[in-house]
Structures are given as C-alpha cells and as structure tokens.
C-alpha cells in the first residue's frame, strides 16, 4: 500500500492533493496552501519534506508541487 511507504507528512500531502484533484491528472498544488492547511490544526505546519518525498518517489512531478 502506497501510504505505508510514505512519511507522515508526505502521506498527508498525498491525500490532500488527491482530495483537491477531482480526477485531474494535471493538477498543480501550491506548497504554501498545504502549509497553511496543516498549520490550522498542527502546532507547526509541515515543511517541504512532504513535497520532496513525493517528488523523490515519483508520485508527483516537480511541476505538480511548487513552492511560492
């Protein structure tokens, strides 16, 4: 199972992106949106570790997850 192979932050970002994608394979996500979303319920928002993990495992391309 994919989620079992991801770090907690990458797993959360993966599910966050899938929930926003609406089946669109070309979906792009802004890392700041993800950090703001996680910051609402965590003491410290997740950093770029999630995006890096997803790119390294080739789950999402670098173009799909951008930092602004």
Protein backbone atom coordinates (compact mmCIF):
# COMPACT_ATOMS: atom_id res chain seq x y z
CA UNK A 1 0.00 0.00 0.00
CA UNK A 2 1.36 3.39 -1.01
CA UNK A 3 0.56 5.19 2.23
CA UNK A 4 2.61 2.69 4.24
CA UNK A 5 5.73 3.65 2.27
CA UNK A 6 5.41 7.40 2.82
CA UNK A 7 6.43 9.63 5.70
CA UNK A 8 3.50 11.02 7.72
CA UNK A 9 3.84 14.45 6.12
CA UNK A 10 4.06 13.02 2.59
CA UNK A 11 1.06 10.78 3.25
CA UNK A 12 -0.97 13.76 4.41
CA UNK A 13 0.07 15.84 1.39
CA UNK A 14 -0.74 12.97 -0.99
CA UNK A 15 -4.25 12.65 0.44
CA UNK A 16 -4.67 16.44 0.48
CA UNK A 17 -3.71 16.67 -3.19
CA UNK A 18 -5.90 13.73 -4.19
CA UNK A 19 -8.86 15.33 -2.42
CA UNK A 20 -8.35 18.54 -4.38
CA UNK A 21 -7.58 16.97 -7.75
CA UNK A 22 -11.12 15.94 -8.74
CA UNK A 23 -9.58 13.31 -11.04
CA UNK A 24 -7.42 15.85 -12.86
CA UNK A 25 -4.04 14.28 -13.65
CA UNK A 26 -2.56 17.70 -14.45
CA UNK A 27 -3.45 19.23 -11.09
CA UNK A 28 -0.96 21.64 -9.55
CA UNK A 29 -0.70 22.40 -5.86
CA UNK A 30 0.94 25.30 -4.11
CA UNK A 31 3.10 24.27 -1.18
CA UNK A 32 2.03 27.37 0.74
CA UNK A 33 -1.61 26.29 0.52
CA UNK A 34 -0.68 22.93 2.02
CA UNK A 35 1.40 24.55 4.76
CA UNK A 36 -1.47 26.90 5.63
CA UNK A 37 -3.92 24.00 5.73
CA UNK A 38 -1.73 21.91 8.04
CA UNK A 39 -0.96 24.95 10.16
CA UNK A 40 -4.64 25.22 11.04
CA UNK A 41 -4.54 22.08 13.19
CA UNK A 42 -0.87 21.43 13.89
CA UNK A 43 1.33 23.49 16.17
CA UNK A 44 3.86 23.73 13.35
CA UNK A 45 2.93 23.44 9.68
CA UNK A 46 4.62 20.77 7.61
CA UNK A 47 7.62 21.90 5.64
CA UNK A 48 8.75 20.98 2.15
CA UNK A 49 9.62 17.45 3.32
CA UNK A 50 6.27 16.21 2.02
CA UNK A 51 6.76 17.63 -1.47
CA UNK A 52 10.34 16.39 -1.61
CA UNK A 53 9.29 12.85 -0.63
CA UNK A 54 6.53 12.75 -3.24
CA UNK A 55 8.90 14.00 -5.95
CA UNK A 56 11.67 11.57 -4.95
CA UNK A 57 9.28 8.62 -5.13
CA UNK A 58 8.00 9.93 -8.47
CA UNK A 59 4.42 10.10 -7.22
CA UNK A 60 4.12 13.72 -8.35
CA UNK A 61 6.41 15.69 -10.60
CA UNK A 62 8.24 18.80 -9.52
CA UNK A 63 5.85 20.82 -11.66
CA UNK A 64 2.85 19.46 -9.76
CA UNK A 65 4.06 20.77 -6.40
CA UNK A 66 5.50 24.25 -6.42
CA UNK A 67 6.80 26.45 -3.65
CA UNK A 68 5.98 30.12 -3.94
